[in-house]
Amino acid sequence: MSTKDYLKAYCEFFETINKDTQFEKYNYFFDENSIFQDPFQKVVGVEKIYEVFQDMYELLYEAKFKILSHSCDENQSFIHWTFEYKTKKDSHLSSFEGVSIVKFNDNAKVFSHIDYWDAASNIYEKIPLLGFILRLIKKKISINE
């Protein structure tokens, strides 16, 4: 199997995971010493990765990833995605885009998954007082005033 095949299967996994996805499915894709990192955390190990996603699915409603595109070479893979979610059952659907750099080991398991997305615009600016301050700072330093 090629890296391209691993990546395709991994993307399908990400589009289908939810709060009911069992640990065994994560264990199928992640190495026991995998690294997962996003703007809020860095964890090591498939158990910790599973906990991160279970926590996310407990806190959010209708959370899901949509893969927009992906590509790879022999060393690493890139996934461009949209994450959709609701903060409350009856709230409106929110979303943001991000990119992941994923690396596979010789056993076709992910040993590194690092997410890149704008936490300030997508999370912090939605917190009332903090959001106001961040938008004010952004306006002050913008060249498009």
N, C-alpha and C. Protein backbone atom coordinates (compact mmCIF):
# COMPACT_ATOMS: atom_id res chain seq x y z
N MET A 1 0.84 -1.19 0.00
CA MET A 1 0.00 0.00 0.00
C MET A 1 0.88 1.25 0.00
N SER A 2 0.50 2.25 -0.70
CA SER A 2 1.28 3.48 -0.81
C SER A 2 0.81 4.51 0.21
N THR A 3 1.61 5.55 0.40
CA THR A 3 1.23 6.65 1.28
C THR A 3 -0.08 7.27 0.82
N LYS A 4 -0.27 7.33 -0.48
CA LYS A 4 -1.52 7.87 -1.03
C LYS A 4 -2.73 7.05 -0.56
N ASP A 5 -2.58 5.73 -0.54
CA ASP A 5 -3.66 4.85 -0.06
C ASP A 5 -3.90 5.03 1.43
N TYR A 6 -2.81 5.14 2.21
CA TYR A 6 -2.94 5.37 3.65
C TYR A 6 -3.69 6.67 3.90
N LEU A 7 -3.30 7.69 3.15
CA LEU A 7 -3.90 9.00 3.33
C LEU A 7 -5.39 8.98 3.00
N LYS A 8 -5.74 8.32 1.93
CA LYS A 8 -7.16 8.24 1.55
C LYS A 8 -7.98 7.57 2.65
N ALA A 9 -7.49 6.46 3.17
CA ALA A 9 -8.19 5.75 4.24
C ALA A 9 -8.27 6.61 5.50
N TYR A 10 -7.21 7.33 5.81
CA TYR A 10 -7.19 8.20 6.99
C TYR A 10 -8.19 9.34 6.84
N CYS A 11 -8.27 9.92 5.66
CA CYS A 11 -9.25 10.99 5.41
C CYS A 11 -10.68 10.47 5.58
N GLU A 12 -10.93 9.28 5.10
CA GLU A 12 -12.26 8.68 5.27
C GLU A 12 -12.56 8.47 6.75
N PHE A 13 -11.57 8.05 7.52
CA PHE A 13 -11.72 7.90 8.96
C PHE A 13 -12.11 9.24 9.59
N PHE A 14 -11.40 10.30 9.23
CA PHE A 14 -11.67 11.60 9.83
C PHE A 14 -13.04 12.14 9.48
N GLU A 15 -13.51 11.85 8.30
CA GLU A 15 -14.84 12.33 7.93
C GLU A 15 -15.96 11.55 8.63
N THR A 16 -15.66 10.39 9.13
CA THR A 16 -16.71 9.56 9.73
C THR A 16 -16.64 9.44 11.25
N ILE A 17 -15.55 9.88 11.88
CA ILE A 17 -15.49 9.73 13.34
C ILE A 17 -16.54 10.59 14.01
N ASN A 18 -16.99 10.13 15.16
CA ASN A 18 -17.96 10.85 15.97
C ASN A 18 -17.83 10.36 17.41
N LYS A 19 -18.74 10.77 18.27
CA LYS A 19 -18.62 10.41 19.69
C LYS A 19 -18.76 8.91 19.93
N ASP A 20 -19.33 8.18 18.98
CA ASP A 20 -19.52 6.75 19.14
C ASP A 20 -18.39 5.91 18.54
N THR A 21 -17.43 6.55 17.92
CA THR A 21 -16.31 5.82 17.33
C THR A 21 -15.49 5.17 18.45
N GLN A 22 -15.31 3.88 18.32
CA GLN A 22 -14.61 3.11 19.36
C GLN A 22 -13.10 3.30 19.30
N PHE A 23 -12.47 3.09 20.44
CA PHE A 23 -11.03 3.22 20.56
C PHE A 23 -10.30 2.35 19.53
N GLU A 24 -10.81 1.17 19.24
CA GLU A 24 -10.16 0.25 18.31
C GLU A 24 -9.95 0.89 16.94
N LYS A 25 -10.88 1.73 16.53
CA LYS A 25 -10.76 2.40 15.24
C LYS A 25 -9.58 3.39 15.27
N TYR A 26 -9.45 4.13 16.35
CA TYR A 26 -8.31 5.04 16.50
C TYR A 26 -7.01 4.23 16.54
N ASN A 27 -7.04 3.13 17.25
CA ASN A 27 -5.86 2.28 17.38
C ASN A 27 -5.44 1.70 16.02
N TYR A 28 -6.39 1.50 15.13
CA TYR A 28 -6.09 1.00 13.79
C TYR A 28 -5.26 2.02 13.01
N PHE A 29 -5.57 3.32 13.19
CA PHE A 29 -4.91 4.36 12.40
C PHE A 29 -3.69 4.98 13.07
N PHE A 30 -3.68 5.05 14.41
CA PHE A 30 -2.59 5.73 15.11
C PHE A 30 -1.62 4.73 15.73
N ASP A 31 -0.34 5.06 15.64
CA ASP A 31 0.70 4.31 16.33
C ASP A 31 0.55 4.55 17.83
N GLU A 32 0.99 3.61 18.64
CA GLU A 32 0.83 3.76 20.10
C GLU A 32 1.58 4.97 20.64
N ASN A 33 2.57 5.48 19.91
CA ASN A 33 3.33 6.65 20.34
C ASN A 33 3.10 7.87 19.44
N SER A 34 1.97 7.89 18.76
CA SER A 34 1.64 9.00 17.87
C SER A 34 1.61 10.33 18.61
N ILE A 35 1.95 11.37 17.88
CA ILE A 35 1.85 12.74 18.39
C ILE A 35 0.67 13.41 17.69
N PHE A 36 -0.18 14.04 18.48
CA PHE A 36 -1.27 14.87 17.94
C PHE A 36 -1.11 16.25 18.55
N GLN A 37 -1.15 17.27 17.67
CA GLN A 37 -0.99 18.65 18.15
C GLN A 37 -1.94 19.56 17.41
N ASP A 38 -2.56 20.47 18.15
CA ASP A 38 -3.37 21.54 17.56
C ASP A 38 -3.07 22.82 18.34
N PRO A 39 -3.74 23.94 18.06
CA PRO A 39 -3.39 25.18 18.77
C PRO A 39 -3.58 25.13 20.30
N PHE A 40 -4.29 24.14 20.81
CA PHE A 40 -4.57 24.08 22.24
C PHE A 40 -3.78 23.03 23.00
N GLN A 41 -3.27 22.03 22.34
CA GLN A 41 -2.65 20.93 23.06
C GLN A 41 -1.69 20.13 22.20
N LYS A 42 -0.87 19.40 22.91
CA LYS A 42 0.01 18.42 22.27
C LYS A 42 -0.05 17.18 23.16
N VAL A 43 -0.45 16.06 22.56
CA VAL A 43 -0.54 14.81 23.32
C VAL A 43 0.24 13.73 22.58
N VAL A 44 0.68 12.74 23.35
CA VAL A 44 1.42 11.62 22.79
C VAL A 44 0.72 10.34 23.19
N GLY A 45 0.48 9.49 22.20
CA GLY A 45 -0.12 8.19 22.44
C GLY A 45 -1.55 8.12 21.95
N VAL A 46 -1.90 6.98 21.40
CA VAL A 46 -3.24 6.80 20.83
C VAL A 46 -4.32 6.95 21.90
N GLU A 47 -4.05 6.57 23.15
CA GLU A 47 -5.05 6.72 24.21
C GLU A 47 -5.36 8.19 24.45
N LYS A 48 -4.32 9.01 24.48
CA LYS A 48 -4.51 10.45 24.70
C LYS A 48 -5.21 11.10 23.51
N ILE A 49 -4.88 10.66 22.31
CA ILE A 49 -5.55 11.18 21.10
C ILE A 49 -7.03 10.85 21.16
N TYR A 50 -7.35 9.64 21.51
CA TYR A 50 -8.74 9.23 21.67
C TYR A 50 -9.46 10.11 22.69
N GLU A 51 -8.81 10.39 23.82
CA GLU A 51 -9.40 11.25 24.86
C GLU A 51 -9.67 12.66 24.34
N VAL A 52 -8.74 13.22 23.57
CA VAL A 52 -8.92 14.56 23.00
C VAL A 52 -10.19 14.61 22.16
N PHE A 53 -10.35 13.62 21.29
CA PHE A 53 -11.53 13.63 20.42
C PHE A 53 -12.80 13.32 21.18
N GLN A 54 -12.75 12.42 22.15
CA GLN A 54 -13.94 12.14 22.96
C GLN A 54 -14.37 13.39 23.72
N ASP A 55 -13.42 14.12 24.28
CA ASP A 55 -13.75 15.37 24.97
C ASP A 55 -14.40 16.37 24.02
N MET A 56 -13.84 16.50 22.81
CA MET A 56 -14.39 17.42 21.84
C MET A 56 -15.83 17.05 21.49
N TYR A 57 -16.08 15.75 21.27
CA TYR A 57 -17.42 15.33 20.90
C TYR A 57 -18.40 15.44 22.07
N GLU A 58 -17.90 15.45 23.31
CA GLU A 58 -18.76 15.66 24.48
C GLU A 58 -19.14 17.13 24.62
N LEU A 59 -18.21 18.03 24.28
CA LEU A 59 -18.44 19.46 24.44
C LEU A 59 -19.24 20.09 23.30
N LEU A 60 -19.13 19.53 22.11
CA LEU A 60 -19.75 20.12 20.93
C LEU A 60 -20.85 19.23 20.37
N TYR A 61 -21.73 19.84 19.61
CA TYR A 61 -22.83 19.12 18.97
C TYR A 61 -22.62 19.10 17.46
N GLU A 62 -23.00 18.00 16.86
CA GLU A 62 -22.92 17.83 15.41
C GLU A 62 -21.52 18.15 14.87
N ALA A 63 -20.51 17.84 15.63
CA ALA A 63 -19.12 18.11 15.22
C ALA A 63 -18.69 17.12 14.16
N LYS A 64 -18.14 17.65 13.07
CA LYS A 64 -17.63 16.76 12.02
C LYS A 64 -16.62 17.49 11.15
N PHE A 65 -15.75 16.68 10.57
CA PHE A 65 -14.75 17.17 9.64
C PHE A 65 -15.20 16.87 8.22
N LYS A 66 -14.95 17.80 7.32
CA LYS A 66 -15.15 17.58 5.89
C LYS A 66 -13.80 17.81 5.22
N ILE A 67 -13.34 16.81 4.52
CA ILE A 67 -12.05 16.92 3.82
C ILE A 67 -12.28 17.65 2.51
N LEU A 68 -11.56 18.75 2.32
CA LEU A 68 -11.68 19.55 1.09
C LEU A 68 -10.68 19.10 0.04
N SER A 69 -9.47 18.75 0.50
CA SER A 69 -8.46 18.24 -0.43
C SER A 69 -7.35 17.59 0.39
N HIS A 70 -6.54 16.81 -0.29
CA HIS A 70 -5.39 16.20 0.36
C HIS A 70 -4.33 15.89 -0.69
N SER A 71 -3.10 15.85 -0.22
CA SER A 71 -1.99 15.50 -1.11
C SER A 71 -0.87 14.92 -0.26
N CYS A 72 0.07 14.27 -0.94
CA CYS A 72 1.18 13.68 -0.19
C CYS A 72 2.39 13.49 -1.08
N ASP A 73 3.51 13.33 -0.42
CA ASP A 73 4.72 12.85 -1.07
C ASP A 73 5.18 11.67 -0.23
N GLU A 74 6.39 11.21 -0.42
CA GLU A 74 6.83 10.01 0.29
C GLU A 74 7.08 10.26 1.78
N ASN A 75 7.19 11.54 2.20
CA ASN A 75 7.52 11.84 3.59
C ASN A 75 6.36 12.34 4.44
N GLN A 76 5.44 13.05 3.83
CA GLN A 76 4.35 13.62 4.61
C GLN A 76 3.12 13.86 3.76
N SER A 77 2.00 14.04 4.46
CA SER A 77 0.72 14.26 3.80
C SER A 77 0.11 15.56 4.30
N PHE A 78 -0.69 16.17 3.46
CA PHE A 78 -1.37 17.41 3.80
C PHE A 78 -2.86 17.20 3.60
N ILE A 79 -3.64 17.63 4.60
CA ILE A 79 -5.09 17.53 4.52
C ILE A 79 -5.67 18.92 4.76
N HIS A 80 -6.45 19.39 3.81
CA HIS A 80 -7.18 20.66 3.96
C HIS A 80 -8.61 20.29 4.33
N TRP A 81 -9.10 20.81 5.44
CA TRP A 81 -10.39 20.39 5.96
C TRP A 81 -11.21 21.57 6.47
N THR A 82 -12.50 21.31 6.65
CA THR A 82 -13.41 22.22 7.34
C THR A 82 -13.95 21.46 8.53
N PHE A 83 -14.01 22.14 9.67
CA PHE A 83 -14.61 21.57 10.86
C PHE A 83 -15.91 22.30 11.13
N GLU A 84 -17.00 21.55 11.24
CA GLU A 84 -18.32 22.12 11.53
C GLU A 84 -18.75 21.66 12.91
N TYR A 85 -19.47 22.54 13.62
CA TYR A 85 -19.90 22.21 14.97
C TYR A 85 -20.97 23.19 15.45
N LYS A 86 -21.64 22.80 16.51
CA LYS A 86 -22.54 23.67 17.25
C LYS A 86 -22.06 23.66 18.69
N THR A 87 -22.16 24.83 19.35
CA THR A 87 -21.76 24.89 20.76
C THR A 87 -22.89 24.46 21.68
N LYS A 88 -24.11 24.56 21.19
CA LYS A 88 -25.30 24.09 21.92
C LYS A 88 -26.18 23.37 20.91
N LYS A 89 -27.05 22.51 21.42
CA LYS A 89 -27.91 21.74 20.52
C LYS A 89 -28.72 22.63 19.59
N ASP A 90 -29.19 23.75 20.10
CA ASP A 90 -30.06 24.63 19.32
C ASP A 90 -29.34 25.86 18.76
N SER A 91 -28.01 25.89 18.81
CA SER A 91 -27.27 27.02 18.27
C SER A 91 -27.05 26.84 16.77
N HIS A 92 -26.60 27.91 16.12
CA HIS A 92 -26.34 27.82 14.69
C HIS A 92 -25.05 27.05 14.43
N LEU A 93 -24.94 26.52 13.25
CA LEU A 93 -23.77 25.75 12.85
C LEU A 93 -22.61 26.70 12.56
N SER A 94 -21.48 26.45 13.18
CA SER A 94 -20.26 27.23 12.94
C SER A 94 -19.25 26.34 12.22
N SER A 95 -18.29 26.97 11.57
CA SER A 95 -17.25 26.18 10.91
C SER A 95 -15.99 27.01 10.74
N PHE A 96 -14.90 26.31 10.54
CA PHE A 96 -13.64 26.96 10.19
C PHE A 96 -12.78 25.96 9.43
N GLU A 97 -11.81 26.51 8.70
CA GLU A 97 -10.91 25.69 7.89
C GLU A 97 -9.57 25.53 8.58
N GLY A 98 -8.92 24.43 8.25
CA GLY A 98 -7.59 24.18 8.75
C GLY A 98 -6.83 23.26 7.84
N VAL A 99 -5.59 23.04 8.19
CA VAL A 99 -4.71 22.14 7.45
C VAL A 99 -4.00 21.24 8.46
N SER A 100 -3.85 19.99 8.11
CA SER A 100 -3.12 19.05 8.94
C SER A 100 -1.93 18.52 8.15
N ILE A 101 -0.81 18.38 8.86
CA ILE A 101 0.35 17.68 8.29
C ILE A 101 0.40 16.34 9.00
N VAL A 102 0.33 15.29 8.23
CA VAL A 102 0.25 13.94 8.77
C VAL A 102 1.42 13.13 8.22
N LYS A 103 2.07 12.39 9.12
CA LYS A 103 3.17 11.52 8.71
C LYS A 103 2.85 10.09 9.14
N PHE A 104 3.12 9.17 8.22
CA PHE A 104 2.87 7.75 8.46
C PHE A 104 4.18 7.01 8.68
N ASN A 105 4.13 5.97 9.51
CA ASN A 105 5.33 5.14 9.69
C ASN A 105 5.31 3.97 8.70
N ASP A 106 6.27 3.10 8.78
CA ASP A 106 6.37 1.96 7.85
C ASP A 106 5.24 0.95 8.02
N ASN A 107 4.54 1.02 9.15
CA ASN A 107 3.41 0.12 9.40
C ASN A 107 2.08 0.72 8.98
N ALA A 108 2.12 1.82 8.22
CA ALA A 108 0.93 2.50 7.71
C ALA A 108 0.11 3.13 8.82
N LYS A 109 0.76 3.45 9.93
CA LYS A 109 0.05 4.12 11.03
C LYS A 109 0.56 5.55 11.16
N VAL A 110 -0.33 6.43 11.59
CA VAL A 110 0.03 7.82 11.79
C VAL A 110 0.95 7.92 13.00
N PHE A 111 2.12 8.55 12.81
CA PHE A 111 2.98 8.80 13.96
C PHE A 111 3.03 10.29 14.30
N SER A 112 2.52 11.14 13.42
CA SER A 112 2.46 12.57 13.70
C SER A 112 1.29 13.19 12.94
N HIS A 113 0.45 13.91 13.68
CA HIS A 113 -0.67 14.64 13.10
C HIS A 113 -0.67 16.02 13.76
N ILE A 114 -0.35 17.04 12.98
CA ILE A 114 -0.30 18.41 13.51
C ILE A 114 -1.29 19.26 12.74
N ASP A 115 -2.22 19.87 13.50
CA ASP A 115 -3.25 20.74 12.93
C ASP A 115 -2.82 22.19 12.99
N TYR A 116 -3.10 22.91 11.91
CA TYR A 116 -2.86 24.34 11.84
C TYR A 116 -4.17 25.03 11.50
N TRP A 117 -4.64 25.88 12.41
CA TRP A 117 -5.83 26.68 12.16
C TRP A 117 -5.79 27.90 13.07
N ASP A 118 -6.56 28.90 12.73
CA ASP A 118 -6.53 30.18 13.41
C ASP A 118 -7.43 30.16 14.65
N ALA A 119 -6.84 29.89 15.80
CA ALA A 119 -7.59 29.82 17.06
C ALA A 119 -8.15 31.20 17.45
N ALA A 120 -7.42 32.27 17.14
CA ALA A 120 -7.88 33.61 17.51
C ALA A 120 -9.21 33.94 16.83
N SER A 121 -9.26 33.82 15.51
CA SER A 121 -10.48 34.16 14.78
C SER A 121 -11.61 33.16 15.03
N ASN A 122 -11.27 31.91 15.19
CA ASN A 122 -12.30 30.88 15.25
C ASN A 122 -12.79 30.55 16.65
N ILE A 123 -12.05 30.88 17.67
CA ILE A 123 -12.46 30.58 19.04
C ILE A 123 -12.41 31.83 19.91
N TYR A 124 -11.23 32.40 20.08
CA TYR A 124 -11.05 33.49 21.03
C TYR A 124 -11.92 34.71 20.72
N GLU A 125 -12.06 35.07 19.43
CA GLU A 125 -12.85 36.24 19.07
C GLU A 125 -14.34 36.04 19.32
N LYS A 126 -14.77 34.82 19.57
CA LYS A 126 -16.19 34.54 19.84
C LYS A 126 -16.52 34.63 21.33
N ILE A 127 -15.51 34.81 22.16
CA ILE A 127 -15.71 35.02 23.59
C ILE A 127 -15.96 36.51 23.79
N PRO A 128 -17.10 36.92 24.36
CA PRO A 128 -17.51 38.33 24.35
C PRO A 128 -16.43 39.37 24.65
N LEU A 129 -15.91 39.47 25.83
CA LEU A 129 -14.95 40.52 26.16
C LEU A 129 -13.62 40.31 25.45
N LEU A 130 -13.12 39.10 25.47
CA LEU A 130 -11.86 38.78 24.81
C LEU A 130 -11.96 39.04 23.30
N GLY A 131 -13.08 38.66 22.71
CA GLY A 131 -13.29 38.89 21.28
C GLY A 131 -13.25 40.35 20.92
N PHE A 132 -13.89 41.19 21.74
CA PHE A 132 -13.87 42.64 21.50
C PHE A 132 -12.44 43.16 21.51
N ILE A 133 -11.66 42.75 22.50
CA ILE A 133 -10.27 43.21 22.62
C ILE A 133 -9.44 42.73 21.42
N LEU A 134 -9.59 41.48 21.04
CA LEU A 134 -8.82 40.95 19.91
C LEU A 134 -9.19 41.64 18.60
N ARG A 135 -10.49 41.90 18.39
CA ARG A 135 -10.91 42.60 17.17
C ARG A 135 -10.36 44.03 17.15
N LEU A 136 -10.32 44.66 18.31
CA LEU A 136 -9.76 46.02 18.42
C LEU A 136 -8.27 46.01 18.08
N ILE A 137 -7.55 45.07 18.63
CA ILE A 137 -6.11 44.94 18.33
C ILE A 137 -5.90 44.68 16.84
N LYS A 138 -6.70 43.77 16.29
CA LYS A 138 -6.57 43.44 14.86
C LYS A 138 -6.81 44.68 14.00
N LYS A 139 -7.80 45.48 14.39
CA LYS A 139 -8.11 46.70 13.63
C LYS A 139 -6.95 47.70 13.71
N LYS A 140 -6.35 47.81 14.90
CA LYS A 140 -5.24 48.76 15.09
C LYS A 140 -4.01 48.41 14.27
N ILE A 141 -3.73 47.12 14.13
CA ILE A 141 -2.51 46.72 13.42
C ILE A 141 -2.74 46.42 11.94
N SER A 142 -3.98 46.48 11.51
CA SER A 142 -4.29 46.19 10.11
C SER A 142 -3.87 47.35 9.21
N ILE A 143 -3.38 47.03 8.04
CA ILE A 143 -3.03 48.08 7.07
C ILE A 143 -4.26 48.51 6.26
N ASN A 144 -5.38 47.82 6.45
CA ASN A 144 -6.60 48.10 5.70
C ASN A 144 -7.59 48.93 6.50
N GLU A 145 -7.14 49.87 7.30
CA GLU A 145 -8.05 50.69 8.12
C GLU A 145 -8.89 51.58 7.27
